[in-house]
Structures are given as C-alpha cells and as structure tokens.
Amino acid sequence: MNNPEVNDQDDGRDQAREQGQPKVRIAILENLEGHRSCIINSSELERLVPYSAMQFWRREQAGTFPRRVKIGPQRVGWILGEVLDWLAQRKAERDTVTPCRRPVNAPPPKSRKRPGRRMPQGEQ
C-alpha cells in the first residue's frame, strides 16, 4: 500500500467511479490488450460505438456487427476483443477507401443553379 504508483492508480479509479464510469471501462482504458476477453454491457458498448440499441440489433441481424453473448436470463454483453476488432476493420476501410470518386485531375463538376422562383401573373 505504500507504493505511490498503486495509490495514484487507485485515486484515478475512485475519481472515475465517483463520476459514474463503470469499473470495466476504467480497466479497459488502462490496458485494452489485457482485457480483450472481457464482456462489456450495453452502456460500455455505447461509449465505444455511438449506436442506439436498435442499430446494434439491426447490425447483428445483418451480420455486420459482433453478436451479443447471453450471460444470464435477462442480461447480455459483447466480447470486448470482437468489438475492438470490428472498430479496427472500420478504421482500415476508412483508410483504404478514396474519399472522392472522380479522378484527381478531373475538373470539378459544374454547379447546377436552381431556377429562380416564378412569380404568378400580376405580381411583381
């Protein structure tokens, strides 16, 4: 207990708990690789991925998001490593996709001007 490093870590954890952050979230922030097999709940998942509960469900059904794990009669969670891998795939896709479809040397597209508002006969 006299080790200052341990006391500093504990103080940070206590502050985070006072602010309402889940215990697992704090551990994740300290060392992600050491907790890849950890199961996170929906509130922790929403902190990592800003989707609604319905969007998570839709993506799971479509096979485009890691599936939930049933851990009790009315409790589900997600495996942290699978979610982190999914996020890494999204980042890799972002980095490989070109942001623009037109060739680099192509002129910019012509802007289409909207026609002006036509006034009925007699108004002006």
Protein backbone atom coordinates (compact mmCIF):
# COMPACT_ATOMS: atom_id res chain seq x y z
CA MET A 1 0.00 0.00 0.00
CA ASN A 2 2.99 2.30 0.41
CA ASN A 3 3.77 2.09 -3.30
CA PRO A 4 2.95 5.55 -4.77
CA GLU A 5 2.24 4.11 -8.24
CA VAL A 6 -0.53 1.88 -6.89
CA ASN A 7 -2.02 4.74 -4.88
CA ASP A 8 -2.05 7.02 -7.94
CA GLN A 9 -3.89 4.37 -9.98
CA ASP A 10 -6.40 3.77 -7.21
CA ASP A 11 -7.05 7.51 -6.90
CA GLY A 12 -7.84 7.70 -10.62
CA ARG A 13 -10.20 4.75 -10.35
CA ASP A 14 -12.01 6.27 -7.39
CA GLN A 15 -12.46 9.56 -9.24
CA ALA A 16 -13.84 7.76 -12.29
CA ARG A 17 -16.24 5.74 -10.14
CA GLU A 18 -17.46 8.93 -8.48
CA GLN A 19 -18.21 10.32 -11.95
CA GLY A 20 -20.35 7.28 -12.75
CA GLN A 21 -17.98 5.45 -15.09
CA PRO A 22 -18.27 1.63 -14.95
CA LYS A 23 -15.38 -0.33 -13.38
CA VAL A 24 -14.75 -2.33 -16.55
CA ARG A 25 -14.49 0.87 -18.60
CA ILE A 26 -11.69 2.08 -16.32
CA ALA A 27 -9.83 -1.20 -16.69
CA ILE A 28 -10.26 -1.02 -20.47
CA LEU A 29 -8.74 2.42 -20.58
CA GLU A 30 -5.75 1.29 -18.54
CA ASN A 31 -4.87 -1.73 -20.70
CA LEU A 32 -7.01 -2.71 -23.68
CA GLU A 33 -4.96 -5.71 -24.75
CA GLY A 34 -5.14 -7.30 -21.33
CA HIS A 35 -8.95 -7.26 -21.33
CA ARG A 36 -9.88 -8.43 -24.83
CA SER A 37 -11.80 -11.44 -23.47
CA CYS A 38 -13.80 -9.23 -21.09
CA ILE A 39 -17.56 -8.98 -21.61
CA ILE A 40 -18.91 -5.43 -21.71
CA ASN A 41 -22.52 -4.37 -21.18
CA SER A 42 -24.62 -2.12 -23.40
CA SER A 43 -23.70 1.15 -21.68
CA GLU A 44 -20.00 0.39 -22.05
CA LEU A 45 -20.55 -0.62 -25.67
CA GLU A 46 -22.34 2.66 -26.38
CA ARG A 47 -19.31 4.54 -25.08
CA LEU A 48 -17.12 2.74 -27.63
CA VAL A 49 -19.60 2.78 -30.54
CA PRO A 50 -22.20 5.58 -30.67
CA TYR A 51 -25.13 3.49 -31.96
CA SER A 52 -28.59 3.08 -30.48
CA ALA A 53 -29.70 -0.28 -29.07
CA MET A 54 -31.86 -0.81 -32.17
CA GLN A 55 -28.94 -0.10 -34.51
CA PHE A 56 -26.79 -2.66 -32.67
CA TRP A 57 -29.55 -5.24 -33.03
CA ARG A 58 -30.05 -4.48 -36.76
CA ARG A 59 -26.34 -4.77 -37.48
CA GLU A 60 -26.11 -8.03 -35.52
CA GLN A 61 -29.02 -9.47 -37.52
CA ALA A 62 -27.36 -8.38 -40.77
CA GLY A 63 -24.07 -9.95 -39.67
CA THR A 64 -22.18 -6.65 -39.78
CA PHE A 65 -21.53 -6.32 -36.04
CA PRO A 66 -20.28 -8.77 -33.37
CA ARG A 67 -23.12 -10.80 -31.89
CA ARG A 68 -24.11 -10.45 -28.26
CA VAL A 69 -23.44 -13.12 -25.66
CA LYS A 70 -26.21 -14.17 -23.29
CA ILE A 71 -24.76 -14.15 -19.77
CA GLY A 72 -27.96 -14.53 -17.78
CA PRO A 73 -31.74 -14.82 -18.13
CA GLN A 74 -32.10 -11.08 -18.77
CA ARG A 75 -28.52 -9.98 -19.34
CA VAL A 76 -26.40 -9.79 -22.49
CA GLY A 77 -22.94 -8.48 -23.26
CA TRP A 78 -20.39 -8.22 -26.02
CA ILE A 79 -16.84 -9.56 -26.07
CA LEU A 80 -14.55 -6.55 -25.98
CA GLY A 81 -11.95 -8.07 -28.34
CA GLU A 82 -14.58 -8.64 -31.04
CA VAL A 83 -15.83 -5.06 -30.75
CA LEU A 84 -12.28 -3.68 -30.89
CA ASP A 85 -11.55 -5.82 -33.97
CA TRP A 86 -14.75 -4.52 -35.61
CA LEU A 87 -13.66 -0.94 -34.89
CA ALA A 88 -10.20 -1.67 -36.34
CA GLN A 89 -11.86 -3.01 -39.52
CA ARG A 90 -13.93 0.17 -39.84
CA LYS A 91 -10.76 2.24 -39.49
CA ALA A 92 -8.92 0.12 -42.07
CA GLU A 93 -11.82 0.52 -44.52
CA ARG A 94 -11.79 4.27 -43.98
CA ASP A 95 -8.05 4.44 -44.62
CA THR A 96 -8.21 2.40 -47.84
CA VAL A 97 -11.30 3.96 -49.46
CA THR A 98 -10.65 7.04 -51.55
CA PRO A 99 -12.77 9.97 -50.38
CA CYS A 100 -13.56 11.09 -53.92
CA ARG A 101 -14.85 9.07 -56.87
CA ARG A 102 -13.73 11.41 -59.63
CA PRO A 103 -10.14 11.22 -60.93
CA VAL A 104 -7.64 13.52 -59.29
CA ASN A 105 -7.01 15.56 -62.47
CA ALA A 106 -10.68 15.85 -63.46
CA PRO A 107 -12.27 19.28 -63.43
CA PRO A 108 -14.76 19.95 -60.65
CA PRO A 109 -18.38 19.19 -61.50
CA LYS A 110 -20.47 22.04 -62.84
CA SER A 111 -22.73 23.51 -60.24
CA ARG A 112 -26.40 23.31 -61.02
CA LYS A 113 -28.16 26.51 -60.30
CA ARG A 114 -31.71 26.26 -59.14
CA PRO A 115 -34.16 28.14 -61.29
CA GLY A 116 -35.49 31.32 -59.76
CA ARG A 117 -38.92 31.44 -58.24
CA ARG A 118 -41.56 32.20 -60.83
CA MET A 119 -43.99 34.91 -59.93
CA PRO A 120 -47.64 34.45 -60.82
CA GLN A 121 -49.04 36.80 -63.43
CA GLY A 122 -49.92 40.16 -61.98
CA GLU A 123 -47.39 40.07 -59.06
CA GLN A 124 -44.10 41.88 -59.35
